[in-house]
Amino acid sequence: MNGAQVLDIATDSIWVLLIVSMPMMLVGLVVGVIVALFQALTQIQEQTLIFVPKILAIFVTMLITLPFLGATMSAYMSRIVDMIIVGG
């Protein structure tokens, strides 16, 4: 295995990481902004209020996108295993 192949594997792994984490991160961001806007509009200054909606939204998003996430990780792992079997 040479340096170019290692860099290809590293690049693929970073892309898979971004693809797998993006749905939860975006939902957490959107819910956080909405709750922060709600707190600013109603002048509720409770610091712990933002965590429960974010956790619930991220959990629901993870349940909805689980088949996609599993397929993405499985395809990546299959490519890695094929590289190991072939030897490069």
PDB file of N, CA and C in Angstrom:
ATOM      1  N   MET A   1       0.852  -1.167   0.000  1.00  0.00           N
ATOM      2  CA  MET A   1       0.000   0.000   0.000  1.00  0.00           C
ATOM      3  C   MET A   1       0.901   1.235   0.000  1.00  0.00           C
ATOM      4  N   ASN A   2       0.661   2.103  -0.959  1.00  0.00           N
ATOM      5  CA  ASN A   2       1.486   3.297  -1.051  1.00  0.00           C
ATOM      6  C   ASN A   2       0.767   4.514  -0.458  1.00  0.00           C
ATOM      7  N   GLY A   3       1.430   5.634  -0.518  1.00  0.00           N
ATOM      8  CA  GLY A   3       0.892   6.848   0.095  1.00  0.00           C
ATOM      9  C   GLY A   3      -0.384   7.348  -0.551  1.00  0.00           C
ATOM     10  N   ALA A   4      -0.492   7.196  -1.857  1.00  0.00           N
ATOM     11  CA  ALA A   4      -1.691   7.652  -2.561  1.00  0.00           C
ATOM     12  C   ALA A   4      -2.921   6.855  -2.129  1.00  0.00           C
ATOM     13  N   GLN A   5      -2.753   5.549  -1.938  1.00  0.00           N
ATOM     14  CA  GLN A   5      -3.874   4.720  -1.494  1.00  0.00           C
ATOM     15  C   GLN A   5      -4.293   5.069  -0.072  1.00  0.00           C
ATOM     16  N   VAL A   6      -3.329   5.359   0.767  1.00  0.00           N
ATOM     17  CA  VAL A   6      -3.639   5.756   2.142  1.00  0.00           C
ATOM     18  C   VAL A   6      -4.416   7.068   2.146  1.00  0.00           C
ATOM     19  N   LEU A   7      -3.994   7.996   1.310  1.00  0.00           N
ATOM     20  CA  LEU A   7      -4.708   9.272   1.225  1.00  0.00           C
ATOM     21  C   LEU A   7      -6.115   9.091   0.655  1.00  0.00           C
ATOM     22  N   ASP A   8      -6.285   8.172  -0.293  1.00  0.00           N
ATOM     23  CA  ASP A   8      -7.622   7.887  -0.822  1.00  0.00           C
ATOM     24  C   ASP A   8      -8.535   7.319   0.255  1.00  0.00           C
ATOM     25  N   ILE A   9      -8.010   6.400   1.045  1.00  0.00           N
ATOM     26  CA  ILE A   9      -8.800   5.825   2.135  1.00  0.00           C
ATOM     27  C   ILE A   9      -9.140   6.892   3.173  1.00  0.00           C
ATOM     28  N   ALA A  10      -8.182   7.744   3.507  1.00  0.00           N
ATOM     29  CA  ALA A  10      -8.435   8.812   4.475  1.00  0.00           C
ATOM     30  C   ALA A  10      -9.477   9.787   3.952  1.00  0.00           C
ATOM     31  N   THR A  11      -9.388  10.138   2.668  1.00  0.00           N
ATOM     32  CA  THR A  11     -10.366  11.050   2.074  1.00  0.00           C
ATOM     33  C   THR A  11     -11.751  10.432   2.080  1.00  0.00           C
ATOM     34  N   ASP A  12     -11.844   9.155   1.689  1.00  0.00           N
ATOM     35  CA  ASP A  12     -13.140   8.473   1.711  1.00  0.00           C
ATOM     36  C   ASP A  12     -13.716   8.407   3.117  1.00  0.00           C
ATOM     37  N   SER A  13     -12.870   8.147   4.095  1.00  0.00           N
ATOM     38  CA  SER A  13     -13.374   8.049   5.469  1.00  0.00           C
ATOM     39  C   SER A  13     -13.878   9.396   5.970  1.00  0.00           C
ATOM     40  N   ILE A  14     -13.217  10.477   5.597  1.00  0.00           N
ATOM     41  CA  ILE A  14     -13.693  11.807   6.010  1.00  0.00           C
ATOM     42  C   ILE A  14     -15.027  12.120   5.348  1.00  0.00           C
ATOM     43  N   TRP A  15     -15.178  11.771   4.064  1.00  0.00           N
ATOM     44  CA  TRP A  15     -16.450  12.005   3.387  1.00  0.00           C
ATOM     45  C   TRP A  15     -17.572  11.180   4.001  1.00  0.00           C
ATOM     46  N   VAL A  16     -17.287   9.929   4.316  1.00  0.00           N
ATOM     47  CA  VAL A  16     -18.304   9.085   4.953  1.00  0.00           C
ATOM     48  C   VAL A  16     -18.680   9.654   6.323  1.00  0.00           C
ATOM     49  N   LEU A  17     -17.696  10.115   7.070  1.00  0.00           N
ATOM     50  CA  LEU A  17     -17.970  10.734   8.370  1.00  0.00           C
ATOM     51  C   LEU A  17     -18.878  11.943   8.216  1.00  0.00           C
ATOM     52  N   LEU A  18     -18.600  12.789   7.244  1.00  0.00           N
ATOM     53  CA  LEU A  18     -19.437  13.975   7.017  1.00  0.00           C
ATOM     54  C   LEU A  18     -20.844  13.592   6.581  1.00  0.00           C
ATOM     55  N   ILE A  19     -20.950  12.626   5.686  1.00  0.00           N
ATOM     56  CA  ILE A  19     -22.266  12.208   5.205  1.00  0.00           C
ATOM     57  C   ILE A  19     -23.097  11.593   6.327  1.00  0.00           C
ATOM     58  N   VAL A  20     -22.459  10.807   7.174  1.00  0.00           N
ATOM     59  CA  VAL A  20     -23.185  10.134   8.254  1.00  0.00           C
ATOM     60  C   VAL A  20     -23.591  11.109   9.352  1.00  0.00           C
ATOM     61  N   SER A  21     -22.758  12.077   9.643  1.00  0.00           N
ATOM     62  CA  SER A  21     -23.060  12.988  10.753  1.00  0.00           C
ATOM     63  C   SER A  21     -23.895  14.194  10.341  1.00  0.00           C
ATOM     64  N   MET A  22     -23.960  14.498   9.053  1.00  0.00           N
ATOM     65  CA  MET A  22     -24.629  15.717   8.605  1.00  0.00           C
ATOM     66  C   MET A  22     -26.111  15.801   8.964  1.00  0.00           C
ATOM     67  N   PRO A  23     -26.925  14.753   8.804  1.00  0.00           N
ATOM     68  CA  PRO A  23     -28.344  14.908   9.144  1.00  0.00           C
ATOM     69  C   PRO A  23     -28.572  15.294  10.611  1.00  0.00           C
ATOM     70  N   MET A  24     -27.876  14.646  11.532  1.00  0.00           N
ATOM     71  CA  MET A  24     -28.061  14.963  12.938  1.00  0.00           C
ATOM     72  C   MET A  24     -27.545  16.356  13.286  1.00  0.00           C
ATOM     73  N   MET A  25     -26.426  16.723  12.683  1.00  0.00           N
ATOM     74  CA  MET A  25     -25.858  18.042  12.969  1.00  0.00           C
ATOM     75  C   MET A  25     -26.767  19.162  12.456  1.00  0.00           C
ATOM     76  N   LEU A  26     -27.312  18.981  11.261  1.00  0.00           N
ATOM     77  CA  LEU A  26     -28.197  20.010  10.713  1.00  0.00           C
ATOM     78  C   LEU A  26     -29.483  20.142  11.518  1.00  0.00           C
ATOM     79  N   VAL A  27     -30.050  19.014  11.918  1.00  0.00           N
ATOM     80  CA  VAL A  27     -31.269  19.072  12.731  1.00  0.00           C
ATOM     81  C   VAL A  27     -30.978  19.712  14.082  1.00  0.00           C
ATOM     82  N   GLY A  28     -29.855  19.365  14.686  1.00  0.00           N
ATOM     83  CA  GLY A  28     -29.482  19.994  15.957  1.00  0.00           C
ATOM     84  C   GLY A  28     -29.294  21.494  15.811  1.00  0.00           C
ATOM     85  N   LEU A  29     -28.694  21.913  14.710  1.00  0.00           N
ATOM     86  CA  LEU A  29     -28.502  23.338  14.460  1.00  0.00           C
ATOM     87  C   LEU A  29     -29.829  24.057  14.286  1.00  0.00           C
ATOM     88  N   VAL A  30     -30.714  23.497  13.470  1.00  0.00           N
ATOM     89  CA  VAL A  30     -32.002  24.136  13.217  1.00  0.00           C
ATOM     90  C   VAL A  30     -32.834  24.206  14.486  1.00  0.00           C
ATOM     91  N   VAL A  31     -32.902  23.112  15.234  1.00  0.00           N
ATOM     92  CA  VAL A  31     -33.679  23.110  16.477  1.00  0.00           C
ATOM     93  C   VAL A  31     -33.072  24.080  17.486  1.00  0.00           C
ATOM     94  N   GLY A  32     -31.759  24.144  17.565  1.00  0.00           N
ATOM     95  CA  GLY A  32     -31.108  25.081  18.475  1.00  0.00           C
ATOM     96  C   GLY A  32     -31.424  26.526  18.139  1.00  0.00           C
ATOM     97  N   VAL A  33     -31.412  26.857  16.856  1.00  0.00           N
ATOM     98  CA  VAL A  33     -31.735  28.229  16.447  1.00  0.00           C
ATOM     99  C   VAL A  33     -33.194  28.551  16.736  1.00  0.00           C
ATOM    100  N   ILE A  34     -34.090  27.593  16.460  1.00  0.00           N
ATOM    101  CA  ILE A  34     -35.515  27.832  16.723  1.00  0.00           C
ATOM    102  C   ILE A  34     -35.772  28.027  18.214  1.00  0.00           C
ATOM    103  N   VAL A  35     -35.183  27.193  19.052  1.00  0.00           N
ATOM    104  CA  VAL A  35     -35.381  27.324  20.503  1.00  0.00           C
ATOM    105  C   VAL A  35     -34.754  28.620  21.010  1.00  0.00           C
ATOM    106  N   ALA A  36     -33.585  28.970  20.492  1.00  0.00           N
ATOM    107  CA  ALA A  36     -32.954  30.224  20.908  1.00  0.00           C
ATOM    108  C   ALA A  36     -33.796  31.416  20.493  1.00  0.00           C
ATOM    109  N   LEU A  37     -34.379  31.359  19.305  1.00  0.00           N
ATOM    110  CA  LEU A  37     -35.260  32.435  18.853  1.00  0.00           C
ATOM    111  C   LEU A  37     -36.500  32.514  19.731  1.00  0.00           C
ATOM    112  N   PHE A  38     -37.068  31.358  20.051  1.00  0.00           N
ATOM    113  CA  PHE A  38     -38.225  31.324  20.950  1.00  0.00           C
ATOM    114  C   PHE A  38     -37.876  31.913  22.320  1.00  0.00           C
ATOM    115  N   GLN A  39     -36.702  31.568  22.846  1.00  0.00           N
ATOM    116  CA  GLN A  39     -36.283  32.111  24.140  1.00  0.00           C
ATOM    117  C   GLN A  39     -36.081  33.612  24.064  1.00  0.00           C
ATOM    118  N   ALA A  40     -35.524  34.087  22.967  1.00  0.00           N
ATOM    119  CA  ALA A  40     -35.303  35.528  22.838  1.00  0.00           C
ATOM    120  C   ALA A  40     -36.619  36.278  22.691  1.00  0.00           C
ATOM    121  N   LEU A  41     -37.570  35.699  21.978  1.00  0.00           N
ATOM    122  CA  LEU A  41     -38.848  36.374  21.776  1.00  0.00           C
ATOM    123  C   LEU A  41     -39.697  36.388  23.035  1.00  0.00           C
ATOM    124  N   THR A  42     -39.638  35.328  23.825  1.00  0.00           N
ATOM    125  CA  THR A  42     -40.459  35.252  25.029  1.00  0.00           C
ATOM    126  C   THR A  42     -39.706  35.672  26.283  1.00  0.00           C
ATOM    127  N   GLN A  43     -38.445  35.967  26.156  1.00  0.00           N
ATOM    128  CA  GLN A  43     -37.571  36.373  27.260  1.00  0.00           C
ATOM    129  C   GLN A  43     -37.492  35.325  28.361  1.00  0.00           C
ATOM    130  N   ILE A  44     -37.570  34.056  27.965  1.00  0.00           N
ATOM    131  CA  ILE A  44     -37.345  32.956  28.896  1.00  0.00           C
ATOM    132  C   ILE A  44     -35.849  32.731  28.958  1.00  0.00           C
ATOM    133  N   GLN A  45     -35.272  32.805  30.134  1.00  0.00           N
ATOM    134  CA  GLN A  45     -33.823  32.707  30.268  1.00  0.00           C
ATOM    135  C   GLN A  45     -33.383  31.383  30.899  1.00  0.00           C
ATOM    136  N   GLU A  46     -34.105  30.341  30.613  1.00  0.00           N
ATOM    137  CA  GLU A  46     -33.755  29.026  31.140  1.00  0.00           C
ATOM    138  C   GLU A  46     -32.677  28.407  30.254  1.00  0.00           C
ATOM    139  N   GLN A  47     -31.524  28.121  30.820  1.00  0.00           N
ATOM    140  CA  GLN A  47     -30.396  27.625  30.043  1.00  0.00           C
ATOM    141  C   GLN A  47     -30.538  26.155  29.645  1.00  0.00           C
ATOM    142  N   THR A  48     -31.279  25.392  30.428  1.00  0.00           N
ATOM    143  CA  THR A  48     -31.410  23.959  30.142  1.00  0.00           C
ATOM    144  C   THR A  48     -32.544  23.660  29.171  1.00  0.00           C
ATOM    145  N   LEU A  49     -33.323  24.636  28.791  1.00  0.00           N
ATOM    146  CA  LEU A  49     -34.471  24.425  27.910  1.00  0.00           C
ATOM    147  C   LEU A  49     -34.057  23.956  26.526  1.00  0.00           C
ATOM    148  N   ILE A  50     -32.891  24.320  26.085  1.00  0.00           N
ATOM    149  CA  ILE A  50     -32.467  24.015  24.721  1.00  0.00           C
ATOM    150  C   ILE A  50     -32.063  22.549  24.550  1.00  0.00           C
ATOM    151  N   PHE A  51     -31.688  21.858  25.609  1.00  0.00           N
ATOM    152  CA  PHE A  51     -31.142  20.512  25.480  1.00  0.00           C
ATOM    153  C   PHE A  51     -32.195  19.448  25.170  1.00  0.00           C
ATOM    154  N   VAL A  52     -33.335  19.506  25.803  1.00  0.00           N
ATOM    155  CA  VAL A  52     -34.354  18.464  25.605  1.00  0.00           C
ATOM    156  C   VAL A  52     -34.874  18.451  24.171  1.00  0.00           C
ATOM    157  N   PRO A  53     -35.278  19.590  23.586  1.00  0.00           N
ATOM    158  CA  PRO A  53     -35.726  19.530  22.187  1.00  0.00           C
ATOM    159  C   PRO A  53     -34.626  19.074  21.224  1.00  0.00           C
ATOM    160  N   LYS A  54     -33.393  19.505  21.472  1.00  0.00           N
ATOM    161  CA  LYS A  54     -32.294  19.083  20.605  1.00  0.00           C
ATOM    162  C   LYS A  54     -32.070  17.576  20.680  1.00  0.00           C
ATOM    163  N   ILE A  55     -32.057  17.031  21.876  1.00  0.00           N
ATOM    164  CA  ILE A  55     -31.828  15.596  22.048  1.00  0.00           C
ATOM    165  C   ILE A  55     -32.947  14.795  21.396  1.00  0.00           C
ATOM    166  N   LEU A  56     -34.195  15.226  21.602  1.00  0.00           N
ATOM    167  CA  LEU A  56     -35.317  14.518  20.988  1.00  0.00           C
ATOM    168  C   LEU A  56     -35.278  14.605  19.467  1.00  0.00           C
ATOM    169  N   ALA A  57     -34.981  15.773  18.932  1.00  0.00           N
ATOM    170  CA  ALA A  57     -34.933  15.950  17.473  1.00  0.00           C
ATOM    171  C   ALA A  57     -33.799  15.137  16.865  1.00  0.00           C
ATOM    172  N   ILE A  58     -32.650  15.120  17.498  1.00  0.00           N
ATOM    173  CA  ILE A  58     -31.524  14.343  16.987  1.00  0.00           C
ATOM    174  C   ILE A  58     -31.820  12.851  17.061  1.00  0.00           C
ATOM    175  N   PHE A  59     -32.466  12.407  18.137  1.00  0.00           N
ATOM    176  CA  PHE A  59     -32.823  10.998  18.271  1.00  0.00           C
ATOM    177  C   PHE A  59     -33.811  10.574  17.187  1.00  0.00           C
ATOM    178  N   VAL A  60     -34.839  11.395  16.941  1.00  0.00           N
ATOM    179  CA  VAL A  60     -35.821  11.072  15.902  1.00  0.00           C
ATOM    180  C   VAL A  60     -35.160  11.071  14.526  1.00  0.00           C
ATOM    181  N   THR A  61     -34.283  12.035  14.285  1.00  0.00           N
ATOM    182  CA  THR A  61     -33.564  12.077  13.008  1.00  0.00           C
ATOM    183  C   THR A  61     -32.702  10.841  12.828  1.00  0.00           C
ATOM    184  N   MET A  62     -32.055  10.410  13.889  1.00  0.00           N
ATOM    185  CA  MET A  62     -31.215   9.225  13.806  1.00  0.00           C
ATOM    186  C   MET A  62     -32.063   7.983  13.506  1.00  0.00           C
ATOM    187  N   LEU A  63     -33.245   7.886  14.115  1.00  0.00           N
ATOM    188  CA  LEU A  63     -34.119   6.752  13.831  1.00  0.00           C
ATOM    189  C   LEU A  63     -34.605   6.763  12.383  1.00  0.00           C
ATOM    190  N   ILE A  64     -34.912   7.946  11.862  1.00  0.00           N
ATOM    191  CA  ILE A  64     -35.413   8.053  10.493  1.00  0.00           C
ATOM    192  C   ILE A  64     -34.318   7.743   9.477  1.00  0.00           C
ATOM    193  N   THR A  65     -33.113   8.246   9.736  1.00  0.00           N
ATOM    194  CA  THR A  65     -32.026   8.089   8.757  1.00  0.00           C
ATOM    195  C   THR A  65     -31.168   6.856   9.003  1.00  0.00           C
ATOM    196  N   LEU A  66     -31.530   6.031   9.946  1.00  0.00           N
ATOM    197  CA  LEU A  66     -30.717   4.859  10.268  1.00  0.00           C
ATOM    198  C   LEU A  66     -30.487   3.912   9.087  1.00  0.00           C
ATOM    199  N   PRO A  67     -31.480   3.626   8.253  1.00  0.00           N
ATOM    200  CA  PRO A  67     -31.197   2.756   7.098  1.00  0.00           C
ATOM    201  C   PRO A  67     -30.165   3.373   6.145  1.00  0.00           C
ATOM    202  N   PHE A  68     -30.272   4.663   5.895  1.00  0.00           N
ATOM    203  CA  PHE A  68     -29.300   5.347   5.035  1.00  0.00           C
ATOM    204  C   PHE A  68     -27.910   5.324   5.650  1.00  0.00           C
ATOM    205  N   LEU A  69     -27.826   5.580   6.950  1.00  0.00           N
ATOM    206  CA  LEU A  69     -26.532   5.590   7.629  1.00  0.00           C
ATOM    207  C   LEU A  69     -25.899   4.204   7.609  1.00  0.00           C
ATOM    208  N   GLY A  70     -26.708   3.184   7.860  1.00  0.00           N
ATOM    209  CA  GLY A  70     -26.202   1.819   7.836  1.00  0.00           C
ATOM    210  C   GLY A  70     -25.720   1.412   6.451  1.00  0.00           C
ATOM    211  N   ALA A  71     -26.466   1.791   5.410  1.00  0.00           N
ATOM    212  CA  ALA A  71     -26.067   1.459   4.049  1.00  0.00           C
ATOM    213  C   ALA A  71     -24.773   2.172   3.666  1.00  0.00           C
ATOM    214  N   THR A  72     -24.637   3.424   4.085  1.00  0.00           N
ATOM    215  CA  THR A  72     -23.418   4.180   3.789  1.00  0.00           C
ATOM    216  C   THR A  72     -22.210   3.558   4.470  1.00  0.00           C
ATOM    217  N   MET A  73     -22.348   3.235   5.737  1.00  0.00           N
ATOM    218  CA  MET A  73     -21.234   2.623   6.468  1.00  0.00           C
ATOM    219  C   MET A  73     -20.921   1.226   5.931  1.00  0.00           C
ATOM    220  N   SER A  74     -21.954   0.466   5.561  1.00  0.00           N
ATOM    221  CA  SER A  74     -21.741  -0.868   5.020  1.00  0.00           C
ATOM    222  C   SER A  74     -21.010  -0.813   3.683  1.00  0.00           C
ATOM    223  N   ALA A  75     -21.383   0.126   2.829  1.00  0.00           N
ATOM    224  CA  ALA A  75     -20.710   0.262   1.531  1.00  0.00           C
ATOM    225  C   ALA A  75     -19.248   0.651   1.727  1.00  0.00           C
ATOM    226  N   TYR A  76     -18.993   1.551   2.663  1.00  0.00           N
ATOM    227  CA  TYR A  76     -17.607   1.951   2.927  1.00  0.00           C
ATOM    228  C   TYR A  76     -16.790   0.771   3.460  1.00  0.00           C
ATOM    229  N   MET A  77     -17.374   0.022   4.390  1.00  0.00           N
ATOM    230  CA  MET A  77     -16.669  -1.120   4.950  1.00  0.00           C
ATOM    231  C   MET A  77     -16.421  -2.189   3.890  1.00  0.00           C
ATOM    232  N   SER A  78     -17.364  -2.380   2.978  1.00  0.00           N
ATOM    233  CA  SER A  78     -17.167  -3.339   1.884  1.00  0.00           C
ATOM    234  C   SER A  78     -16.010  -2.920   0.985  1.00  0.00           C
ATOM    235  N   ARG A  79     -15.911  -1.623   0.695  1.00  0.00           N
ATOM    236  CA  ARG A  79     -14.782  -1.141  -0.108  1.00  0.00           C
ATOM    237  C   ARG A  79     -13.461  -1.383   0.605  1.00  0.00           C
ATOM    238  N   ILE A  80     -13.425  -1.147   1.910  1.00  0.00           N
ATOM    239  CA  ILE A  80     -12.190  -1.361   2.671  1.00  0.00           C
ATOM    240  C   ILE A  80     -11.825  -2.849   2.693  1.00  0.00           C
ATOM    241  N   VAL A  81     -12.820  -3.706   2.922  1.00  0.00           N
ATOM    242  CA  VAL A  81     -12.559  -5.152   2.958  1.00  0.00           C
ATOM    243  C   VAL A  81     -12.079  -5.643   1.588  1.00  0.00           C
ATOM    244  N   ASP A  82     -12.687  -5.129   0.520  1.00  0.00           N
ATOM    245  CA  ASP A  82     -12.214  -5.507  -0.826  1.00  0.00           C
ATOM    246  C   ASP A  82     -10.777  -5.084  -1.046  1.00  0.00           C
ATOM    247  N   MET A  83     -10.403  -3.904  -0.564  1.00  0.00           N
ATOM    248  CA  MET A  83      -9.020  -3.450  -0.689  1.00  0.00           C
ATOM    249  C   MET A  83      -8.079  -4.359   0.097  1.00  0.00           C
ATOM    250  N   ILE A  84      -8.525  -4.812   1.263  1.00  0.00           N
ATOM    251  CA  ILE A  84      -7.676  -5.690   2.077  1.00  0.00           C
ATOM    252  C   ILE A  84      -7.511  -7.047   1.390  1.00  0.00           C
ATOM    253  N   ILE A  85      -8.602  -7.577   0.844  1.00  0.00           N
ATOM    254  CA  ILE A  85      -8.550  -8.885   0.197  1.00  0.00           C
ATOM    255  C   ILE A  85      -7.673  -8.849  -1.043  1.00  0.00           C
ATOM    256  N   VAL A  86      -7.861  -7.816  -1.860  1.00  0.00           N
ATOM    257  CA  VAL A  86      -7.110  -7.702  -3.108  1.00  0.00           C
ATOM    258  C   VAL A  86      -5.640  -7.385  -2.808  1.00  0.00           C
ATOM    259  N   GLY A  87      -5.425  -6.663  -1.742  1.00  0.00           N
ATOM    260  CA  GLY A  87      -4.058  -6.314  -1.371  1.00  0.00           C
ATOM    261  C   GLY A  87      -3.637  -4.962  -1.903  1.00  0.00           C
ATOM    262  N   GLY A  88      -4.560  -4.081  -2.064  1.00  0.00           N
ATOM    263  CA  GLY A  88      -4.167  -2.755  -2.527  1.00  0.00           C
ATOM    264  C   GLY A  88      -5.256  -2.185  -3.263  1.00  0.00           C
TER     265      GLY A  88
END
